[in-house]
Protein backbone atom coordinates (compact mmCIF):
# COMPACT_ATOMS: atom_id res chain seq x y z
CA PRO A 1 0.00 0.00 0.00
CA GLY A 2 1.13 3.53 -0.68
CA ASP A 3 4.81 4.04 -1.25
CA LYS A 4 6.00 1.07 0.81
CA GLN A 5 8.18 -1.41 -1.01
CA LEU A 6 8.27 -5.10 -0.27
CA GLU A 7 11.64 -6.65 0.35
CA PRO A 8 12.33 -10.29 -0.42
CA LEU A 9 12.80 -12.50 2.61
CA LYS A 10 16.47 -13.18 3.25
CA TYR A 11 16.48 -16.95 3.67
CA ALA A 12 20.21 -17.01 4.45
CA GLU A 13 19.71 -14.70 7.45
CA VAL A 14 16.79 -16.81 8.69
CA ALA A 15 18.92 -19.94 8.29
CA VAL A 16 21.75 -18.47 10.36
CA GLN A 17 19.36 -17.41 13.15
CA ALA A 18 17.68 -20.84 13.16
CA SER A 19 20.97 -22.75 12.85
CA VAL A 20 19.80 -24.66 9.77
CA SER A 21 20.85 -24.73 6.13
CA ARG A 22 19.50 -22.10 3.74
CA ARG A 23 17.69 -24.83 1.80
CA LYS A 24 16.00 -26.10 5.00
CA ALA A 25 14.98 -22.57 6.04
CA GLU A 26 13.50 -21.82 2.62
CA SER A 27 11.69 -25.16 2.50
CA CYS A 28 10.15 -24.64 5.96
CA ILE A 29 9.06 -21.09 5.20
CA LEU A 30 7.53 -22.01 1.84
CA GLY A 31 5.79 -25.04 3.36
CA THR A 32 4.38 -22.95 6.21
CA THR A 33 3.14 -20.16 3.94
CA SER A 34 1.58 -22.70 1.57
CA LEU A 35 -0.24 -24.46 4.41
CA LEU A 36 -1.36 -21.09 5.81
CA TYR A 37 -2.70 -20.06 2.40
CA HIS A 38 -4.69 -23.30 2.01
CA CYS A 39 -6.09 -23.12 5.55
CA LEU A 40 -7.21 -19.51 5.13
CA ALA A 41 -8.64 -20.22 1.66
CA LYS A 42 -10.82 -22.95 3.22
CA GLY A 43 -11.95 -20.61 6.00
CA GLU A 44 -10.04 -22.43 8.74
CA SER A 45 -9.07 -20.57 11.89
CA VAL A 46 -5.31 -20.42 12.31
CA ALA A 47 -3.12 -19.78 15.35
CA PHE A 48 0.59 -19.00 15.25
CA ILE A 49 2.38 -19.65 18.51
CA LEU A 50 5.27 -17.21 18.63
CA ARG A 51 7.55 -18.80 21.21
CA ASP A 52 8.64 -15.84 23.33
CA VAL A 53 5.95 -13.37 22.26
CA GLY A 54 2.42 -14.79 22.30
CA VAL A 55 -0.28 -16.12 20.00
CA LEU A 56 -1.51 -14.66 16.70
CA LEU A 57 -5.03 -15.92 16.01
CA ILE A 58 -6.58 -15.47 12.56
CA GLU A 59 -10.31 -16.16 12.23
CA GLY A 60 -12.04 -15.25 9.02
CA ARG A 61 -10.91 -11.74 8.12
CA LYS A 62 -9.87 -10.83 11.66
CA ALA A 63 -6.47 -11.21 13.27
CA HIS A 64 -5.92 -10.85 17.00
CA MET A 65 -2.59 -10.86 18.83
CA ARG A 66 -2.36 -11.86 22.49
CA PHE A 67 0.93 -11.51 24.32
CA TYR A 68 2.58 -13.50 27.09
CA PRO A 69 2.92 -11.49 30.33
CA ASP A 70 6.73 -11.76 30.40
CA PHE A 71 6.93 -10.34 26.85
CA LEU A 72 4.74 -7.38 27.82
CA GLU A 73 6.97 -6.80 30.84
CA LYS A 74 10.01 -6.58 28.57
CA VAL A 75 8.28 -4.21 26.16
CA THR A 76 6.65 -1.91 28.71
CA GLY A 77 9.35 -2.07 31.35
CA LYS A 78 6.64 -2.64 33.97
CA LYS A 79 6.07 -5.70 36.11
CA ILE A 80 2.77 -7.33 35.24
CA GLN A 81 2.62 -8.53 38.87
CA ASP A 82 1.10 -5.13 39.58
CA ARG A 83 -2.61 -5.99 39.72
CA ALA A 84 -3.74 -2.77 38.02
CA THR A 85 -1.38 -3.22 35.06
CA PHE A 86 -2.40 -6.86 34.61
CA LYS A 87 -6.10 -5.91 34.80
CA ALA A 88 -5.61 -3.20 32.15
CA PHE A 89 -3.96 -5.65 29.75
CA GLN A 90 -6.72 -8.20 30.42
CA GLN A 91 -9.46 -5.67 29.70
CA LEU A 92 -7.78 -4.82 26.41
CA ASP A 93 -7.70 -8.57 25.68
CA LEU A 94 -3.95 -8.35 25.07
CA VAL A 95 -2.59 -10.90 27.52
CA VAL A 96 -2.67 -14.70 27.49
CA SER A 97 -1.10 -17.28 29.74
CA ARG A 98 1.19 -19.91 28.24
CA GLU A 99 -0.98 -22.55 29.95
CA VAL A 100 -4.21 -21.56 28.17
CA PRO A 101 -5.12 -24.03 25.40
CA VAL A 102 -4.91 -22.20 22.07
CA ALA A 103 -8.23 -23.63 20.88
CA SER A 104 -9.99 -21.90 23.79
CA LEU A 105 -8.99 -18.50 22.34
CA ALA A 106 -10.96 -19.10 19.14
CA PHE A 107 -14.65 -18.57 18.50
CA THR A 108 -14.76 -21.57 16.18
CA SER A 109 -14.44 -25.16 17.31
CA ARG A 110 -11.45 -25.96 15.10
CA VAL A 111 -8.09 -24.21 14.95
CA VAL A 112 -4.99 -25.15 12.95
CA VAL A 113 -2.02 -24.46 15.23
CA PHE A 114 1.39 -23.51 13.86
CA PRO A 115 3.87 -24.11 16.70
């Protein structure tokens, strides 16, 4: 959109960060994006579990990101132990516990989970 330009994904950089070969990194990324495309095309709900960040849930045309408390603490610089801060994040529906089953976050009964 607008004047933003897309940059190609640098598979070599991903491979270095993931400690795998470039071929393996590219294969995994292409496989994941292909599966995501097919799931969304069929109207499936999809959840991406982002290891140290939280869960990205895509249902229909809506995407919702919920963050793990420790990630929000790093970003905001505030301890979530403070009841008021935790309550504020909860009311905004921004926080999720690592123990919560991903399927319980969705409105539909079926969710494809990308770990």
